């Protein structure tokens, strides 16, 4: 089931959240996605606003609480 909050996050935002969960920095995330650092920062800020948080820790906490992220997803390997 897709929750309202999940529906409000774009696929790119969900990917950025997952990569943050996996421990990638903004610079690493940008390189992995083929985006600029500034674009990733803008995506993150939009996620923060949608989730009502002010930092990456809050984003990840909300990601787990809302079911976007799971503990098992943390151990997946990214290509």
Protein backbone atom coordinates (compact mmCIF):
# COMPACT_ATOMS: atom_id res chain seq x y z
CA UNK A 1 0.00 0.00 0.00
CA UNK A 2 1.30 3.46 -0.89
CA UNK A 3 0.83 5.99 1.88
CA UNK A 4 0.04 9.64 1.15
CA UNK A 5 3.53 10.70 2.26
CA UNK A 6 5.15 8.09 0.03
CA UNK A 7 3.04 9.24 -2.91
CA UNK A 8 4.27 12.79 -2.26
CA UNK A 9 7.93 11.75 -2.53
CA UNK A 10 9.26 11.43 -6.06
CA UNK A 11 11.29 8.39 -7.14
CA UNK A 12 14.41 10.60 -7.08
CA UNK A 13 13.65 11.72 -3.53
CA UNK A 14 13.15 8.12 -2.42
CA UNK A 15 16.48 7.19 -4.05
CA UNK A 16 18.26 10.04 -2.28
CA UNK A 17 16.72 8.95 1.03
CA UNK A 18 17.88 5.36 0.42
CA UNK A 19 21.41 6.44 -0.51
CA UNK A 20 21.57 8.61 2.63
CA UNK A 21 20.41 5.58 4.63
CA UNK A 22 23.25 3.63 3.03
CA UNK A 23 25.69 6.25 4.31
CA UNK A 24 26.52 8.11 1.10
CA UNK A 25 27.41 11.79 1.38
CA UNK A 26 25.79 14.46 -0.76
CA UNK A 27 28.83 14.41 -3.05
CA UNK A 28 28.75 10.60 -3.37
CA UNK A 29 24.98 10.62 -3.94
CA UNK A 30 25.36 13.26 -6.64
CA UNK A 31 28.03 11.23 -8.42
CA UNK A 32 26.00 8.00 -8.15
CA UNK A 33 22.88 9.68 -9.57
CA UNK A 34 24.69 11.84 -12.15
CA UNK A 35 23.47 15.08 -10.53
CA UNK A 36 25.18 18.14 -9.11
CA UNK A 37 25.75 18.48 -5.38
CA UNK A 38 23.39 21.45 -5.37
CA UNK A 39 20.59 19.41 -6.97
CA UNK A 40 20.94 16.69 -4.32
CA UNK A 41 20.86 19.35 -1.59
CA UNK A 42 17.69 20.78 -3.12
CA UNK A 43 16.10 17.33 -3.24
CA UNK A 44 17.03 16.75 0.40
CA UNK A 45 15.60 20.10 1.46
CA UNK A 46 12.35 19.28 -0.33
CA UNK A 47 12.22 15.92 1.45
CA UNK A 48 12.80 17.66 4.79
CA UNK A 49 9.92 20.01 4.09
CA UNK A 50 7.55 17.23 3.04
CA UNK A 51 8.40 15.16 6.13
CA UNK A 52 8.45 18.11 8.53
CA UNK A 53 12.07 17.61 9.61
CA UNK A 54 15.16 19.81 9.56
CA UNK A 55 18.10 17.44 9.06
CA UNK A 56 19.24 14.12 7.63
CA UNK A 57 18.76 12.30 10.95
CA UNK A 58 15.12 13.41 11.05
CA UNK A 59 14.66 12.40 7.42
CA UNK A 60 16.03 8.92 8.08
CA UNK A 61 14.00 8.53 11.28
CA UNK A 62 10.83 9.47 9.40
CA UNK A 63 11.86 7.18 6.55
CA UNK A 64 11.97 4.22 8.91
CA UNK A 65 8.82 5.21 10.82
CA UNK A 66 6.83 5.69 7.59
CA UNK A 67 8.10 2.46 6.05
CA UNK A 68 10.24 3.98 3.27
CA UNK A 69 13.36 2.40 4.77
CA UNK A 70 13.91 -0.84 6.64
CA UNK A 71 16.81 -2.16 8.62
CA UNK A 72 17.30 -4.89 6.01
CA UNK A 73 17.46 -2.28 3.23
CA UNK A 74 20.55 -0.86 4.91
CA UNK A 75 22.64 -3.90 4.05
CA UNK A 76 21.83 -4.04 0.34
CA UNK A 77 24.69 -3.55 -2.07
CA UNK A 78 24.46 -0.71 -4.58
CA UNK A 79 26.01 -1.27 -8.00
